[in-house]
Amino acid sequence: MNNDFELIKDAVANARRDEIEALVKGAIDKGFHGEQIINHGLIAGMDVIGQKYEWGQIKVPEMLDSAMTMKKALDIIKPILKTDQITEKATILMATVQGDNHDIGKSIVIMMLEAAGFRVVDLGVDVEKEKIAEKVEEIKPDILGLSALLTTTADGMKAVIKYLEEKGLRKTVKVIIGGAAVNASVAVKIGADGYGVDAMTAVELVKNIVKRKLKTAALK
C-alpha cells in the first residue's frame, strides 16, 4: 500500500486528529483521488478499529475517537468528490427506533456510508414508526437502516416493519438492522433483510443489497 495511505490509515486507527488534516491534504496535493484516500486510508483505518473492538481490545469511546478523526478527514475530502466523479449510489434512510436515544453506533455507520458514496438521510433518535413510514413514502429510499441499543426497544424495529407492511410500503424498501439489542437471529425473526454486527459489516451489507438491486433492475 502507498505510504501516504498507510500514514492516513494509522492516524485514523490511533485517533490522531491533530495529524489527519495535513496527511489528507498532502495526499490530495500529490494527485490522489478522494475515493482512493477514503478506501485505502480512512476505511482501512476504521477496519483496524473494528477488529480491535470485535476482539475486545478497545471500547466504544476509542471507536468514536477514530470515527471523529475520520470525519475530520471527510470534511476535507467531500468538496473534491464531485471532481472525482463519485456519484451517490443509493439513498439510505437511518433512524434509532422509538424509546432509544443512543446515537454513537448509528453515527459511525452514517459516516462510513457517506464515505462510500451513499446519500444518507438521518431521522435521529427516538423516532416513531409513523414518522419513519412517512419519510419512506416521501423520499423512497433504497434501504432503511434501524438501530437500537436497549433490549427494551428492540421490539420497536419489529413494529416499524409491521407498520410499513400495513401502509403498503414494505416491498418498496429493504430494511437492515443493527445495534447491541439485536443480532442475525432477531433480523430473521422480525422480517428484516439483513443485520450489520458493526459499521464495516453494515456498509458491506448495503453495498451488496444495492448491487443485487441494480442487477435485478438490469434484467427487467
C-alpha atoms as a PDB file:
ATOM      1  CA  MET A   1       0.000   0.000   0.000  1.00  0.00           C
ATOM      2  CA  ASN A   2       1.155   3.554  -0.733  1.00  0.00           C
ATOM      3  CA  ASN A   3       2.915   5.188   2.216  1.00  0.00           C
ATOM      4  CA  ASP A   4       0.509   8.163   2.200  1.00  0.00           C
ATOM      5  CA  PHE A   5      -2.434   5.808   2.655  1.00  0.00           C
ATOM      6  CA  GLU A   6      -0.592   3.909   5.385  1.00  0.00           C
ATOM      7  CA  LEU A   7       0.001   7.141   7.312  1.00  0.00           C
ATOM      8  CA  ILE A   8      -3.658   8.138   6.984  1.00  0.00           C
ATOM      9  CA  LYS A   9      -4.783   4.655   7.986  1.00  0.00           C
ATOM     10  CA  ASP A  10      -2.529   4.779  11.055  1.00  0.00           C
ATOM     11  CA  ALA A  11      -3.745   8.255  12.016  1.00  0.00           C
ATOM     12  CA  VAL A  12      -7.372   7.102  11.901  1.00  0.00           C
ATOM     13  CA  ALA A  13      -6.669   3.854  13.751  1.00  0.00           C
ATOM     14  CA  ASN A  14      -4.883   5.760  16.520  1.00  0.00           C
ATOM     15  CA  ALA A  15      -7.264   8.752  16.533  1.00  0.00           C
ATOM     16  CA  ARG A  16      -4.561  11.323  15.793  1.00  0.00           C
ATOM     17  CA  ARG A  17      -6.852  14.185  14.884  1.00  0.00           C
ATOM     18  CA  ASP A  18      -4.024  16.706  15.029  1.00  0.00           C
ATOM     19  CA  GLU A  19      -2.251  14.950  12.144  1.00  0.00           C
ATOM     20  CA  ILE A  20      -5.054  13.818   9.848  1.00  0.00           C
ATOM     21  CA  GLU A  21      -5.705  17.164   8.151  1.00  0.00           C
ATOM     22  CA  ALA A  22      -2.119  17.619   6.943  1.00  0.00           C
ATOM     23  CA  LEU A  23      -1.896  13.977   5.837  1.00  0.00           C
ATOM     24  CA  VAL A  24      -5.086  14.134   3.778  1.00  0.00           C
ATOM     25  CA  LYS A  25      -4.188  17.475   2.205  1.00  0.00           C
ATOM     26  CA  GLY A  26      -0.763  16.107   1.385  1.00  0.00           C
ATOM     27  CA  ALA A  27      -2.290  13.108  -0.390  1.00  0.00           C
ATOM     28  CA  ILE A  28      -4.637  15.366  -2.347  1.00  0.00           C
ATOM     29  CA  ASP A  29      -1.729  17.622  -3.377  1.00  0.00           C
ATOM     30  CA  LYS A  30       0.069  14.550  -4.715  1.00  0.00           C
ATOM     31  CA  GLY A  31      -2.875  13.873  -7.016  1.00  0.00           C
ATOM     32  CA  PHE A  32      -4.641  11.056  -5.206  1.00  0.00           C
ATOM     33  CA  HIS A  33      -8.407  10.971  -5.715  1.00  0.00           C
ATOM     34  CA  GLY A  34     -10.812  11.355  -2.829  1.00  0.00           C
ATOM     35  CA  GLU A  35     -12.152   7.844  -3.371  1.00  0.00           C
ATOM     36  CA  GLN A  36      -8.631   6.400  -3.121  1.00  0.00           C
ATOM     37  CA  ILE A  37      -7.952   8.237   0.133  1.00  0.00           C
ATOM     38  CA  ILE A  38     -11.279   7.094   1.571  1.00  0.00           C
ATOM     39  CA  ASN A  39     -10.956   3.441   0.593  1.00  0.00           C
ATOM     40  CA  HIS A  40      -7.234   2.857   1.171  1.00  0.00           C
ATOM     41  CA  GLY A  41      -6.718   5.247   4.077  1.00  0.00           C
ATOM     42  CA  LEU A  42      -9.832   6.120   6.059  1.00  0.00           C
ATOM     43  CA  ILE A  43     -11.871   2.937   5.736  1.00  0.00           C
ATOM     44  CA  ALA A  44      -8.728   0.839   6.108  1.00  0.00           C
ATOM     45  CA  GLY A  45      -8.098   2.624   9.403  1.00  0.00           C
ATOM     46  CA  MET A  46     -11.639   2.000  10.600  1.00  0.00           C
ATOM     47  CA  ASP A  47     -11.247  -1.663   9.628  1.00  0.00           C
ATOM     48  CA  VAL A  48      -8.400  -1.875  12.139  1.00  0.00           C
ATOM     49  CA  ILE A  49     -10.559  -0.235  14.803  1.00  0.00           C
ATOM     50  CA  GLY A  50     -13.475  -2.548  14.015  1.00  0.00           C
ATOM     51  CA  GLN A  51     -11.292  -5.604  14.505  1.00  0.00           C
ATOM     52  CA  LYS A  52      -9.921  -4.296  17.792  1.00  0.00           C
ATOM     53  CA  TYR A  53     -13.444  -3.604  19.011  1.00  0.00           C
ATOM     54  CA  GLU A  54     -14.600  -7.065  17.961  1.00  0.00           C
ATOM     55  CA  TRP A  55     -11.669  -8.634  19.823  1.00  0.00           C
ATOM     56  CA  GLY A  56     -12.438  -6.604  22.949  1.00  0.00           C
ATOM     57  CA  GLN A  57      -9.205  -4.618  22.777  1.00  0.00           C
ATOM     58  CA  ILE A  58     -10.984  -1.236  22.745  1.00  0.00           C
ATOM     59  CA  LYS A  59     -14.370   0.124  23.802  1.00  0.00           C
ATOM     60  CA  VAL A  60     -16.917   2.472  22.200  1.00  0.00           C
ATOM     61  CA  PRO A  61     -15.163   5.738  23.247  1.00  0.00           C
ATOM     62  CA  GLU A  62     -11.980   4.693  21.414  1.00  0.00           C
ATOM     63  CA  MET A  63     -14.001   3.747  18.344  1.00  0.00           C
ATOM     64  CA  LEU A  64     -15.756   7.099  18.464  1.00  0.00           C
ATOM     65  CA  ASP A  65     -12.410   8.934  18.671  1.00  0.00           C
ATOM     66  CA  SER A  66     -11.288   7.242  15.466  1.00  0.00           C
ATOM     67  CA  ALA A  67     -14.644   7.953  13.841  1.00  0.00           C
ATOM     68  CA  MET A  68     -14.267  11.642  14.684  1.00  0.00           C
ATOM     69  CA  THR A  69     -10.789  11.597  13.165  1.00  0.00           C
ATOM     70  CA  MET A  70     -12.258  10.075  10.032  1.00  0.00           C
ATOM     71  CA  LYS A  71     -14.996  12.716   9.979  1.00  0.00           C
ATOM     72  CA  LYS A  72     -12.387  15.483  10.106  1.00  0.00           C
ATOM     73  CA  ALA A  73     -10.733  13.924   7.070  1.00  0.00           C
ATOM     74  CA  LEU A  74     -14.026  13.551   5.225  1.00  0.00           C
ATOM     75  CA  ASP A  75     -14.767  17.245   5.716  1.00  0.00           C
ATOM     76  CA  ILE A  76     -11.624  17.954   3.695  1.00  0.00           C
ATOM     77  CA  ILE A  77     -12.318  15.332   1.032  1.00  0.00           C
ATOM     78  CA  LYS A  78     -16.024  15.950   0.390  1.00  0.00           C
ATOM     79  CA  PRO A  79     -15.520  19.163  -1.648  1.00  0.00           C
ATOM     80  CA  ILE A  80     -13.405  17.277  -4.198  1.00  0.00           C
ATOM     81  CA  LEU A  81     -15.647  14.231  -4.529  1.00  0.00           C
ATOM     82  CA  LYS A  82     -17.630  15.751  -7.414  1.00  0.00           C
ATOM     83  CA  THR A  83     -14.358  16.451  -9.193  1.00  0.00           C
ATOM     84  CA  ASP A  84     -13.518  12.805  -8.731  1.00  0.00           C
ATOM     85  CA  GLN A  85     -16.893  11.976 -10.321  1.00  0.00           C
ATOM     86  CA  ILE A  86     -18.049   9.919  -7.368  1.00  0.00           C
ATOM     87  CA  THR A  87     -21.817   9.674  -7.641  1.00  0.00           C
ATOM     88  CA  GLU A  88     -24.384   8.890  -4.988  1.00  0.00           C
ATOM     89  CA  LYS A  89     -25.113   5.216  -5.462  1.00  0.00           C
ATOM     90  CA  ALA A  90     -28.298   4.961  -3.452  1.00  0.00           C
ATOM     91  CA  THR A  91     -30.302   6.634  -0.701  1.00  0.00           C
ATOM     92  CA  ILE A  92     -30.166   5.198   2.810  1.00  0.00           C
ATOM     93  CA  LEU A  93     -32.643   6.299   5.480  1.00  0.00           C
ATOM     94  CA  MET A  94     -31.378   5.848   9.046  1.00  0.00           C
ATOM     95  CA  ALA A  95     -33.166   6.023  12.403  1.00  0.00           C
ATOM     96  CA  THR A  96     -32.868   4.889  16.006  1.00  0.00           C
ATOM     97  CA  VAL A  97     -36.253   3.455  16.933  1.00  0.00           C
ATOM     98  CA  GLN A  98     -38.714   4.923  19.401  1.00  0.00           C
ATOM     99  CA  GLY A  99     -37.697   4.742  23.039  1.00  0.00           C
ATOM    100  CA  ASP A 100     -33.967   4.631  22.339  1.00  0.00           C
ATOM    101  CA  ASN A 101     -31.771   7.749  22.440  1.00  0.00           C
ATOM    102  CA  HIS A 102     -28.407   6.159  21.631  1.00  0.00           C
ATOM    103  CA  ASP A 103     -26.652   7.611  18.609  1.00  0.00           C
ATOM    104  CA  ILE A 104     -22.961   6.653  18.574  1.00  0.00           C
ATOM    105  CA  GLY A 105     -23.172   3.440  16.571  1.00  0.00           C
ATOM    106  CA  LYS A 106     -25.570   4.903  14.031  1.00  0.00           C
ATOM    107  CA  SER A 107     -23.400   7.983  13.598  1.00  0.00           C
ATOM    108  CA  ILE A 108     -20.360   5.846  12.815  1.00  0.00           C
ATOM    109  CA  VAL A 109     -22.340   3.818  10.254  1.00  0.00           C
ATOM    110  CA  ILE A 110     -23.588   7.023   8.633  1.00  0.00           C
ATOM    111  CA  MET A 111     -20.071   8.410   8.291  1.00  0.00           C
ATOM    112  CA  MET A 112     -18.910   5.147   6.760  1.00  0.00           C
ATOM    113  CA  LEU A 113     -21.822   5.083   4.310  1.00  0.00           C
ATOM    114  CA  GLU A 114     -21.209   8.673   3.250  1.00  0.00           C
ATOM    115  CA  ALA A 115     -17.529   7.870   2.792  1.00  0.00           C
ATOM    116  CA  ALA A 116     -18.550   5.013   0.491  1.00  0.00           C
ATOM    117  CA  GLY A 117     -20.522   7.473  -1.661  1.00  0.00           C
ATOM    118  CA  PHE A 118     -24.070   6.881  -0.460  1.00  0.00           C
ATOM    119  CA  ARG A 119     -26.628   9.573   0.228  1.00  0.00           C
ATOM    120  CA  VAL A 120     -27.771   9.234   3.837  1.00  0.00           C
ATOM    121  CA  VAL A 121     -30.822  10.811   5.445  1.00  0.00           C
ATOM    122  CA  ASP A 122     -30.731  10.619   9.248  1.00  0.00           C
ATOM    123  CA  LEU A 123     -34.000  10.906  11.176  1.00  0.00           C
ATOM    124  CA  GLY A 124     -32.175  10.924  14.510  1.00  0.00           C
ATOM    125  CA  VAL A 125     -33.073   9.044  17.682  1.00  0.00           C
ATOM    126  CA  ASP A 126     -36.301   8.008  19.402  1.00  0.00           C
ATOM    127  CA  VAL A 127     -38.170   8.053  16.086  1.00  0.00           C
ATOM    128  CA  GLU A 128     -41.801   6.920  15.907  1.00  0.00           C
ATOM    129  CA  LYS A 129     -42.782   4.283  13.347  1.00  0.00           C
ATOM    130  CA  GLU A 130     -45.248   6.736  11.794  1.00  0.00           C
ATOM    131  CA  LYS A 131     -42.501   9.273  11.099  1.00  0.00           C
ATOM    132  CA  ILE A 132     -40.252   6.584   9.613  1.00  0.00           C
ATOM    133  CA  ALA A 133     -43.026   5.340   7.319  1.00  0.00           C
ATOM    134  CA  GLU A 134     -43.847   8.901   6.293  1.00  0.00           C
ATOM    135  CA  LYS A 135     -40.227   9.513   5.296  1.00  0.00           C
ATOM    136  CA  VAL A 136     -40.029   6.196   3.440  1.00  0.00           C
ATOM    137  CA  GLU A 137     -43.036   7.227   1.384  1.00  0.00           C
ATOM    138  CA  GLU A 138     -41.642  10.732   0.832  1.00  0.00           C
ATOM    139  CA  ILE A 139     -38.050  10.057  -0.276  1.00  0.00           C
ATOM    140  CA  LYS A 140     -38.362   6.429  -1.406  1.00  0.00           C
ATOM    141  CA  PRO A 141     -35.004   5.240  -0.015  1.00  0.00           C
ATOM    142  CA  ASP A 142     -33.339   2.110  -1.323  1.00  0.00           C
ATOM    143  CA  ILE A 143     -32.571   0.941   2.203  1.00  0.00           C
ATOM    144  CA  LEU A 144     -33.917   1.712   5.678  1.00  0.00           C
ATOM    145  CA  GLY A 145     -31.431   1.203   8.499  1.00  0.00           C
ATOM    146  CA  LEU A 146     -32.837   0.793  12.018  1.00  0.00           C
ATOM    147  CA  SER A 147     -30.741   0.983  15.174  1.00  0.00           C
ATOM    148  CA  ALA A 148     -31.397   0.025  18.794  1.00  0.00           C
ATOM    149  CA  LEU A 149     -29.025  -0.309  21.730  1.00  0.00           C
ATOM    150  CA  LEU A 150     -31.507  -1.073  24.507  1.00  0.00           C
ATOM    151  CA  THR A 151     -33.038  -4.546  24.609  1.00  0.00           C
ATOM    152  CA  THR A 152     -36.304  -2.970  25.712  1.00  0.00           C
ATOM    153  CA  THR A 153     -36.570  -1.105  22.404  1.00  0.00           C
ATOM    154  CA  ALA A 154     -35.611  -3.928  20.032  1.00  0.00           C
ATOM    155  CA  ASP A 155     -39.309  -4.624  19.545  1.00  0.00           C
ATOM    156  CA  GLY A 156     -39.538  -1.159  18.051  1.00  0.00           C
ATOM    157  CA  MET A 157     -37.849  -2.472  14.925  1.00  0.00           C
ATOM    158  CA  LYS A 158     -40.478  -5.151  14.527  1.00  0.00           C
ATOM    159  CA  ALA A 159     -43.156  -2.507  14.987  1.00  0.00           C
ATOM    160  CA  VAL A 160     -41.644  -0.391  12.198  1.00  0.00           C
ATOM    161  CA  ILE A 161     -41.563  -3.323   9.764  1.00  0.00           C
ATOM    162  CA  LYS A 162     -45.128  -4.282  10.620  1.00  0.00           C
ATOM    163  CA  TYR A 163     -46.291  -0.696  10.171  1.00  0.00           C
ATOM    164  CA  LEU A 164     -44.575  -0.481   6.779  1.00  0.00           C
ATOM    165  CA  GLU A 165     -46.470  -3.620   5.765  1.00  0.00           C
ATOM    166  CA  GLU A 166     -49.757  -2.118   6.931  1.00  0.00           C
ATOM    167  CA  LYS A 167     -49.090   1.007   4.873  1.00  0.00           C
ATOM    168  CA  GLY A 168     -48.159  -0.985   1.776  1.00  0.00           C
ATOM    169  CA  LEU A 169     -44.575   0.304   1.871  1.00  0.00           C
ATOM    170  CA  ARG A 170     -42.623  -2.766   2.929  1.00  0.00           C
ATOM    171  CA  LYS A 171     -41.956  -4.020  -0.603  1.00  0.00           C
ATOM    172  CA  THR A 172     -40.577  -0.620  -1.633  1.00  0.00           C
ATOM    173  CA  VAL A 173     -37.574  -0.651   0.702  1.00  0.00           C
ATOM    174  CA  LYS A 174     -35.008  -3.084   2.083  1.00  0.00           C
ATOM    175  CA  VAL A 175     -34.734  -2.975   5.871  1.00  0.00           C
ATOM    176  CA  ILE A 176     -31.496  -3.662   7.720  1.00  0.00           C
ATOM    177  CA  ILE A 177     -30.945  -3.545  11.472  1.00  0.00           C
ATOM    178  CA  GLY A 178     -28.050  -3.087  13.886  1.00  0.00           C
ATOM    179  CA  GLY A 179     -27.144  -2.306  17.471  1.00  0.00           C
ATOM    180  CA  ALA A 180     -26.375  -4.123  20.699  1.00  0.00           C
ATOM    181  CA  ALA A 181     -30.019  -5.056  21.206  1.00  0.00           C
ATOM    182  CA  VAL A 182     -30.223  -7.258  18.108  1.00  0.00           C
ATOM    183  CA  ASN A 183     -28.449  -9.987  16.163  1.00  0.00           C
ATOM    184  CA  ALA A 184     -28.834 -12.010  12.971  1.00  0.00           C
ATOM    185  CA  SER A 185     -31.483 -14.247  14.534  1.00  0.00           C
ATOM    186  CA  VAL A 186     -33.569 -11.225  15.503  1.00  0.00           C
ATOM    187  CA  ALA A 187     -33.303  -9.910  11.939  1.00  0.00           C
ATOM    188  CA  VAL A 188     -34.763 -13.137  10.580  1.00  0.00           C
ATOM    189  CA  LYS A 189     -37.438 -13.273  13.275  1.00  0.00           C
ATOM    190  CA  ILE A 190     -38.783  -9.755  12.654  1.00  0.00           C
ATOM    191  CA  GLY A 191     -38.566  -9.972   8.871  1.00  0.00           C
ATOM    192  CA  ALA A 192     -35.623  -7.637   8.240  1.00  0.00           C
ATOM    193  CA  ASP A 193     -33.499  -8.034   5.113  1.00  0.00           C
ATOM    194  CA  GLY A 194     -30.155  -8.014   6.888  1.00  0.00           C
ATOM    195  CA  TYR A 195     -28.124  -7.379  10.035  1.00  0.00           C
ATOM    196  CA  GLY A 196     -24.874  -5.474  10.497  1.00  0.00           C
ATOM    197  CA  VAL A 197     -22.810  -6.519  13.505  1.00  0.00           C
ATOM    198  CA  ASP A 198     -20.627  -3.400  13.161  1.00  0.00           C
ATOM    199  CA  ALA A 199     -20.157  -0.345  10.953  1.00  0.00           C
ATOM    200  CA  MET A 200     -17.906  -2.065   8.432  1.00  0.00           C
ATOM    201  CA  THR A 201     -20.292  -5.005   8.078  1.00  0.00           C
ATOM    202  CA  ALA A 202     -23.235  -2.630   7.689  1.00  0.00           C
ATOM    203  CA  VAL A 203     -21.537  -0.800   4.812  1.00  0.00           C
ATOM    204  CA  GLU A 204     -20.743  -4.077   3.033  1.00  0.00           C
ATOM    205  CA  LEU A 205     -24.326  -5.196   3.565  1.00  0.00           C
ATOM    206  CA  VAL A 206     -25.619  -2.001   1.967  1.00  0.00           C
ATOM    207  CA  LYS A 207     -23.235  -2.378  -0.967  1.00  0.00           C
ATOM    208  CA  ASN A 208     -24.373  -5.952  -1.592  1.00  0.00           C
ATOM    209  CA  ILE A 209     -28.058  -5.044  -1.408  1.00  0.00           C
ATOM    210  CA  VAL A 210     -27.574  -2.180  -3.866  1.00  0.00           C
ATOM    211  CA  LYS A 211     -25.596  -4.403  -6.252  1.00  0.00           C
ATOM    212  CA  ARG A 212     -28.357  -7.021  -6.214  1.00  0.00           C
ATOM    213  CA  LYS A 213     -30.974  -4.350  -6.800  1.00  0.00           C
ATOM    214  CA  LEU A 214     -29.080  -2.894  -9.750  1.00  0.00           C
ATOM    215  CA  LYS A 215     -28.546  -6.359 -11.220  1.00  0.00           C
ATOM    216  CA  THR A 216     -32.245  -7.184 -10.876  1.00  0.00           C
ATOM    217  CA  ALA A 217     -33.227  -3.882 -12.484  1.00  0.00           C
ATOM    218  CA  ALA A 218     -30.872  -4.541 -15.413  1.00  0.00           C
ATOM    219  CA  LEU A 219     -32.511  -7.905 -16.073  1.00  0.00           C
ATOM    220  CA  LYS A 220     -36.007  -6.429 -16.333  1.00  0.00           C
END
